[in-house]
């Protein structure tokens, strides 16, 4: 009788053990989230604690997995190893793997979209929406002369290293690390082919980007960009002032100007190409790649002047002589007056 009870006890114990092991396996080694799709993340800030992490995980945890996570986290001492960062919680990531990633700070890279923008203040705001760093710390880094010098730039030329593209970075990347990463990506962008084309145009890569920023602000029409670039290159080679309206807007800090008047052209700034010969000291925007390539592959022609078309199509009339240009400018001025644009 005792043997039978003993056997029954052992059998029950084994069954319980199997159930416990199965439950543990199910909760620890199966996906933490009920969603099999990638793209679900948890963002842990520097002031988060284990409890606040649990609260953030609750939104994506599959049934009973959060309880298992908390037990395993407590046993592993996770409360003393909370690392800020971005971590994927779905896409087949198991509870145990998630805990290991969180405890060791093994982040999931985020896709950082570097935009084409007018100013580095705009860049700081746009990037801060995608990273842990705030816009103030990014803006401070972008204007730090010592940091800029480490990537062979000044605050004026720093926009040159930001190539509008999508990159994989850590969400917690510091502003200093980001600047150095952009420099590495910029070095890749300026391959032998692009450097060779720049040399043929008689420009350095930084000068190409500076001119491209003017082209970028002159026209949004990619097909016209090589024509615009060719016109400005003709002016540079003849020692003429570029007289680019976008540089006046940049010098004034007024990008909403719809009509450039004579009083605007007198602004005392090294960026005002109506007063200064040659390129400005740095880009007036972070240009699109299409604008950079437009300078590298500029159209060959004899045009020295351009004026926005009177149909407001966003494209331009080009002229070889100043007399032709005056006629084009008069038509555009009449169109502005007719629309009461001042």
Protein backbone atom coordinates (compact mmCIF):
# COMPACT_ATOMS: atom_id res chain seq x y z
CA UNK A 1 0.00 0.00 0.00
CA UNK A 2 2.80 2.34 0.99
CA UNK A 3 4.64 1.48 -2.23
CA UNK A 4 1.55 2.33 -4.27
CA UNK A 5 1.18 5.68 -2.48
CA UNK A 6 4.86 6.33 -3.00
CA UNK A 7 4.59 5.54 -6.71
CA UNK A 8 1.49 7.71 -7.01
CA UNK A 9 3.30 10.58 -5.26
CA UNK A 10 6.28 10.25 -7.57
CA UNK A 11 3.99 10.14 -10.60
CA UNK A 12 2.10 13.21 -9.48
CA UNK A 13 5.32 15.02 -8.65
CA UNK A 14 6.74 14.18 -12.07
CA UNK A 15 3.54 15.35 -13.74
CA UNK A 16 3.62 18.60 -11.81
CA UNK A 17 7.28 19.07 -12.67
CA UNK A 18 6.54 18.47 -16.34
CA UNK A 19 3.70 21.00 -16.23
CA UNK A 20 5.88 23.57 -14.44
CA UNK A 21 8.73 23.03 -16.89
CA UNK A 22 6.36 23.27 -19.83
CA UNK A 23 4.85 26.47 -18.43
CA UNK A 24 8.29 27.92 -17.79
CA UNK A 25 9.43 27.01 -21.28
CA UNK A 26 6.25 28.43 -22.80
CA UNK A 27 6.53 31.71 -20.94
CA UNK A 28 10.30 32.20 -21.27
CA UNK A 29 11.22 30.75 -24.66
CA UNK A 30 8.17 31.65 -26.76
CA UNK A 31 7.60 35.16 -28.18
CA UNK A 32 7.05 37.80 -25.50
CA UNK A 33 4.56 39.65 -27.68
CA UNK A 34 1.48 38.20 -29.32
CA UNK A 35 2.43 40.12 -32.46
CA UNK A 36 4.75 38.39 -34.91
CA UNK A 37 5.43 41.61 -36.82
CA UNK A 38 8.64 43.53 -36.35
CA UNK A 39 8.51 47.21 -35.52
CA UNK A 40 7.17 47.14 -31.96
CA UNK A 41 9.61 48.75 -29.56
CA UNK A 42 10.00 49.86 -25.98
CA UNK A 43 11.93 53.06 -25.31
CA UNK A 44 13.69 53.21 -21.95
CA UNK A 45 14.78 56.62 -20.70
CA UNK A 46 17.63 57.43 -18.34
CA UNK A 47 15.21 57.96 -15.44
CA UNK A 48 13.32 54.68 -15.92
CA UNK A 49 13.27 52.04 -13.18
CA UNK A 50 12.46 48.34 -13.37
CA UNK A 51 8.86 49.10 -12.37
CA UNK A 52 8.41 51.73 -15.07
CA UNK A 53 9.90 49.30 -17.60
CA UNK A 54 7.33 46.69 -16.57
CA UNK A 55 4.58 49.27 -17.10
CA UNK A 56 5.87 50.01 -20.62
CA UNK A 57 6.11 46.29 -21.44
CA UNK A 58 2.53 45.65 -20.36
CA UNK A 59 1.16 47.16 -23.58
CA UNK A 60 2.73 44.48 -25.82
CA UNK A 61 3.11 41.41 -23.56
CA UNK A 62 1.31 38.19 -24.48
CA UNK A 63 -0.84 36.49 -21.83
CA UNK A 64 1.12 35.67 -18.64
CA UNK A 65 4.44 36.59 -20.24
CA UNK A 66 4.82 39.79 -18.25
CA UNK A 67 4.51 37.84 -14.99
CA UNK A 68 7.21 35.44 -16.15
CA UNK A 69 9.35 38.37 -17.24
CA UNK A 70 9.05 40.03 -13.83
CA UNK A 71 9.96 36.82 -11.99
CA UNK A 72 12.96 36.19 -14.23
CA UNK A 73 13.97 39.86 -13.98
CA UNK A 74 13.84 39.75 -10.17
CA UNK A 75 15.94 36.58 -10.07
CA UNK A 76 18.53 38.10 -12.43
CA UNK A 77 18.78 41.39 -10.51
CA UNK A 78 17.48 43.46 -13.43
CA UNK A 79 16.57 46.39 -11.18
CA UNK A 80 20.28 47.17 -10.91
CA UNK A 81 20.90 46.89 -14.64
CA UNK A 82 18.31 49.13 -16.30
CA UNK A 83 19.87 50.50 -19.49
CA UNK A 84 18.27 53.25 -21.56
CA UNK A 85 17.65 52.53 -25.20
CA UNK A 86 15.31 51.18 -27.85
CA UNK A 87 14.47 47.48 -27.69
CA UNK A 88 12.26 45.42 -29.96
CA UNK A 89 9.57 43.48 -28.09
CA UNK A 90 7.83 41.74 -31.02
CA UNK A 91 8.92 39.91 -34.15
CA UNK A 92 9.46 36.60 -32.36
CA UNK A 93 11.67 37.93 -29.55
CA UNK A 94 11.30 35.53 -26.63
CA UNK A 95 10.75 36.67 -23.05
CA UNK A 96 14.18 35.43 -22.00
CA UNK A 97 15.91 37.03 -24.99
CA UNK A 98 14.14 40.31 -24.29
CA UNK A 99 15.28 40.24 -20.67
CA UNK A 100 18.86 39.50 -21.72
CA UNK A 101 18.78 42.37 -24.23
CA UNK A 102 17.41 44.78 -21.66
CA UNK A 103 19.77 43.70 -18.90
CA UNK A 104 22.87 43.93 -21.08
CA UNK A 105 21.82 47.10 -22.95
CA UNK A 106 21.79 45.31 -26.31
CA UNK A 107 19.67 47.81 -28.21
CA UNK A 108 17.77 47.48 -31.46
CA UNK A 109 19.08 50.07 -33.96
CA UNK A 110 16.57 52.66 -35.17
CA UNK A 111 16.24 53.98 -38.70
CA UNK A 112 17.35 57.60 -38.62
CA UNK A 113 16.11 59.73 -41.51
CA UNK A 114 18.44 62.68 -42.10
CA UNK A 115 16.34 65.30 -43.91
CA UNK A 116 17.18 68.08 -46.32
CA UNK A 117 16.55 71.21 -44.24
CA UNK A 118 17.25 74.94 -44.34
CA UNK A 119 19.18 75.32 -41.08
CA UNK A 120 20.99 73.20 -38.55
CA UNK A 121 18.45 74.35 -35.97
CA UNK A 122 15.84 72.67 -38.17
CA UNK A 123 18.07 69.61 -38.35
CA UNK A 124 18.32 69.47 -34.55
CA UNK A 125 14.55 69.65 -34.19
CA UNK A 126 13.90 66.98 -36.82
CA UNK A 127 16.51 64.55 -35.48
CA UNK A 128 15.40 65.00 -31.86
CA UNK A 129 12.03 63.52 -32.81
CA UNK A 130 13.82 60.31 -33.78
CA UNK A 131 16.46 60.07 -31.05
CA UNK A 132 16.74 60.26 -27.27
CA UNK A 133 18.81 63.47 -27.52
CA UNK A 134 16.81 66.68 -27.27
CA UNK A 135 16.98 69.48 -29.84
CA UNK A 136 18.93 71.80 -27.52
CA UNK A 137 21.79 69.33 -27.01
CA UNK A 138 21.91 68.57 -30.73
CA UNK A 139 21.92 72.26 -31.65
CA UNK A 140 24.70 72.91 -29.12
CA UNK A 141 26.81 70.15 -30.66
CA UNK A 142 26.25 71.47 -34.18
CA UNK A 143 27.58 74.89 -33.15
CA UNK A 144 30.52 73.56 -31.11
CA UNK A 145 33.67 74.68 -32.91
CA UNK A 146 35.87 72.13 -31.12
CA UNK A 147 33.60 69.24 -32.08
CA UNK A 148 33.30 70.49 -35.65
CA UNK A 149 37.08 70.61 -35.90
CA UNK A 150 37.28 66.88 -35.14
CA UNK A 151 35.43 66.22 -38.41
CA UNK A 152 37.40 68.84 -40.39
CA UNK A 153 34.57 71.37 -40.36
CA UNK A 154 33.54 74.64 -38.78
CA UNK A 155 29.98 75.35 -37.61
CA UNK A 156 29.47 77.06 -40.97
CA UNK A 157 30.53 74.02 -43.01
CA UNK A 158 29.16 71.30 -40.73
CA UNK A 159 25.98 70.98 -42.87
CA UNK A 160 28.27 69.58 -45.59
CA UNK A 161 28.66 66.24 -43.78
CA UNK A 162 24.93 65.58 -43.43
CA UNK A 163 23.84 63.60 -46.47
CA UNK A 164 20.03 63.18 -46.58
CA UNK A 165 19.58 59.44 -46.33
CA UNK A 166 18.35 56.79 -43.91
CA UNK A 167 20.87 55.32 -41.46
CA UNK A 168 20.77 52.74 -38.68
CA UNK A 169 21.91 54.18 -35.35
CA UNK A 170 21.28 53.58 -31.67
CA UNK A 171 18.42 55.60 -30.25
CA UNK A 172 20.73 56.76 -27.44
CA UNK A 173 23.51 57.95 -29.75
CA UNK A 174 25.01 61.11 -28.26
CA UNK A 175 25.18 64.33 -30.32
CA UNK A 176 28.99 64.04 -30.49
CA UNK A 177 28.79 60.42 -31.66
CA UNK A 178 26.17 61.36 -34.24
CA UNK A 179 28.37 64.07 -35.73
CA UNK A 180 31.27 61.63 -36.04
CA UNK A 181 28.99 59.00 -37.56
CA UNK A 182 27.75 61.50 -40.15
CA UNK A 183 31.37 62.24 -41.04
CA UNK A 184 32.00 58.52 -41.68
CA UNK A 185 28.89 58.29 -43.84
CA UNK A 186 29.93 61.43 -45.70
CA UNK A 187 33.34 59.90 -46.43
CA UNK A 188 31.56 56.90 -47.97
CA UNK A 189 29.31 59.18 -50.01
CA UNK A 190 32.29 61.02 -51.48
CA UNK A 191 33.63 58.07 -53.40
CA UNK A 192 36.28 58.27 -56.10
CA UNK A 193 33.72 59.00 -58.81
CA UNK A 194 32.14 61.96 -57.02
CA UNK A 195 35.53 63.34 -55.97
CA UNK A 196 36.72 63.11 -59.58
CA UNK A 197 33.68 65.01 -60.84
CA UNK A 198 34.15 67.69 -58.18
CA UNK A 199 37.78 68.13 -59.22
CA UNK A 200 36.72 68.56 -62.86
CA UNK A 201 34.39 71.35 -61.76
CA UNK A 202 37.28 72.96 -59.89
CA UNK A 203 35.53 72.55 -56.56
CA UNK A 204 36.19 70.77 -53.28
CA UNK A 205 33.45 68.49 -51.89
CA UNK A 206 32.51 71.20 -49.38
CA UNK A 207 32.25 73.77 -52.16
CA UNK A 208 30.09 71.39 -54.18
CA UNK A 209 27.68 71.04 -51.26
CA UNK A 210 27.67 74.80 -50.70
CA UNK A 211 26.74 75.46 -54.32
CA UNK A 212 24.27 72.56 -54.23
CA UNK A 213 22.52 74.19 -51.28
CA UNK A 214 21.90 77.29 -53.42
CA UNK A 215 20.66 75.17 -56.32
CA UNK A 216 18.44 73.26 -53.91
CA UNK A 217 16.80 76.46 -52.70
CA UNK A 218 16.45 77.91 -56.20
CA UNK A 219 14.42 75.08 -57.68
CA UNK A 220 12.56 71.95 -56.61
CA UNK A 221 12.56 70.72 -60.20
CA UNK A 222 15.21 67.99 -60.40
CA UNK A 223 15.30 68.17 -64.20
CA UNK A 224 16.21 71.87 -64.06
CA UNK A 225 18.86 71.61 -61.36
CA UNK A 226 21.81 70.83 -63.72
CA UNK A 227 20.88 73.98 -65.74
CA UNK A 228 20.84 76.13 -62.60
CA UNK A 229 24.11 74.61 -61.41
CA UNK A 230 25.71 75.26 -64.81
CA UNK A 231 24.64 78.91 -64.70
CA UNK A 232 26.21 79.47 -61.29
CA UNK A 233 29.39 77.66 -62.32
CA UNK A 234 29.64 79.99 -65.34
CA UNK A 235 29.41 82.96 -62.98
CA UNK A 236 32.04 81.56 -60.62
CA UNK A 237 34.47 80.95 -63.46
CA UNK A 238 34.03 84.49 -64.77
CA UNK A 239 34.44 86.05 -61.33
CA UNK A 240 30.88 87.37 -61.29
CA UNK A 241 28.81 87.67 -58.14
CA UNK A 242 26.37 84.77 -57.83
CA UNK A 243 23.51 87.12 -56.89
CA UNK A 244 21.43 84.23 -55.57
CA UNK A 245 18.21 85.28 -53.86
CA UNK A 246 18.20 82.29 -51.44
CA UNK A 247 21.48 83.52 -49.95
CA UNK A 248 19.80 86.84 -49.10
CA UNK A 249 16.95 85.02 -47.36
CA UNK A 250 19.51 83.01 -45.39
CA UNK A 251 21.47 86.14 -44.46
CA UNK A 252 18.27 87.82 -43.25
CA UNK A 253 16.98 84.68 -41.56
CA UNK A 254 13.66 85.29 -43.31
CA UNK A 255 12.75 82.27 -45.42
CA UNK A 256 9.19 83.44 -45.97
CA UNK A 257 10.17 86.30 -48.29
CA UNK A 258 8.30 85.94 -51.56
CA UNK A 259 9.83 88.97 -53.24
CA UNK A 260 13.42 90.15 -52.85
CA UNK A 261 13.58 93.95 -52.87
CA UNK A 262 16.58 96.26 -53.28
CA UNK A 263 16.59 97.00 -49.56
CA UNK A 264 17.10 93.28 -48.87
CA UNK A 265 20.15 93.11 -51.12
CA UNK A 266 22.15 95.45 -48.90
CA UNK A 267 22.22 93.16 -45.85
CA UNK A 268 25.78 93.02 -44.50
CA UNK A 269 26.54 89.30 -44.36
CA UNK A 270 29.21 87.02 -45.84
CA UNK A 271 26.28 84.93 -47.10
CA UNK A 272 24.88 87.77 -49.22
CA UNK A 273 26.08 86.89 -52.72
CA UNK A 274 24.83 90.23 -54.03
CA UNK A 275 27.59 91.94 -52.03
CA UNK A 276 30.31 89.27 -52.04
CA UNK A 277 32.05 87.51 -54.90
CA UNK A 278 32.27 83.73 -54.83
CA UNK A 279 30.58 81.12 -52.70
CA UNK A 280 29.29 81.89 -49.20
CA UNK A 281 31.32 80.54 -46.25
CA UNK A 282 29.15 77.44 -46.01
CA UNK A 283 25.90 75.88 -47.20
CA UNK A 284 22.66 77.82 -46.82
CA UNK A 285 20.83 74.50 -46.38
CA UNK A 286 21.42 70.78 -46.20
CA UNK A 287 20.74 69.98 -49.86
CA UNK A 288 19.18 66.91 -51.38
CA UNK A 289 21.46 64.40 -53.08
CA UNK A 290 19.85 65.34 -56.41
CA UNK A 291 21.17 68.88 -55.97
CA UNK A 292 24.68 67.65 -55.17
CA UNK A 293 24.67 65.43 -58.23
CA UNK A 294 23.32 68.35 -60.29
CA UNK A 295 26.47 70.34 -59.47
CA UNK A 296 28.70 67.36 -60.21
CA UNK A 297 26.91 66.80 -63.51
CA UNK A 298 26.10 70.42 -64.34
CA UNK A 299 24.77 71.24 -67.78
CA UNK A 300 27.22 72.95 -70.12
CA UNK A 301 25.81 76.15 -71.63
CA UNK A 302 26.54 79.87 -71.92
CA UNK A 303 23.80 81.20 -69.64
CA UNK A 304 24.84 83.75 -67.03
CA UNK A 305 21.42 84.88 -65.81
CA UNK A 306 18.20 83.30 -64.65
CA UNK A 307 14.86 84.56 -63.44
CA UNK A 308 11.79 82.76 -62.16
CA UNK A 309 9.20 82.21 -64.87
CA UNK A 310 6.19 84.44 -64.83
CA UNK A 311 3.86 81.42 -64.83
CA UNK A 312 4.98 80.55 -61.27
CA UNK A 313 5.77 77.01 -62.35
CA UNK A 314 8.83 76.96 -60.13
CA UNK A 315 11.16 76.85 -63.13
CA UNK A 316 13.28 79.61 -64.68
CA UNK A 317 13.98 81.59 -67.83
CA UNK A 318 17.69 81.62 -68.65
CA UNK A 319 19.59 84.33 -70.52
CA UNK A 320 23.05 84.83 -71.97
CA UNK A 321 22.98 88.63 -71.99
CA UNK A 322 21.95 91.11 -69.34
CA UNK A 323 19.46 92.69 -71.75
CA UNK A 324 17.67 89.36 -72.16
CA UNK A 325 17.67 88.93 -68.41
CA UNK A 326 16.11 92.37 -67.87
CA UNK A 327 13.27 91.43 -70.21
CA UNK A 328 12.70 88.17 -68.31
CA UNK A 329 12.83 90.01 -64.99
CA UNK A 330 10.31 92.60 -66.18
CA UNK A 331 7.82 89.89 -67.10
CA UNK A 332 8.22 88.26 -63.69
CA UNK A 333 7.86 91.61 -61.89
CA UNK A 334 4.60 92.29 -63.77
CA UNK A 335 3.30 88.86 -62.75
CA UNK A 336 4.13 89.61 -59.11
CA UNK A 337 2.39 92.97 -59.28
CA UNK A 338 -0.70 91.41 -60.87
CA UNK A 339 -0.92 88.97 -57.95
CA UNK A 340 -0.24 91.74 -55.44
CA UNK A 341 2.86 89.92 -54.14
CA UNK A 342 5.16 92.28 -52.28
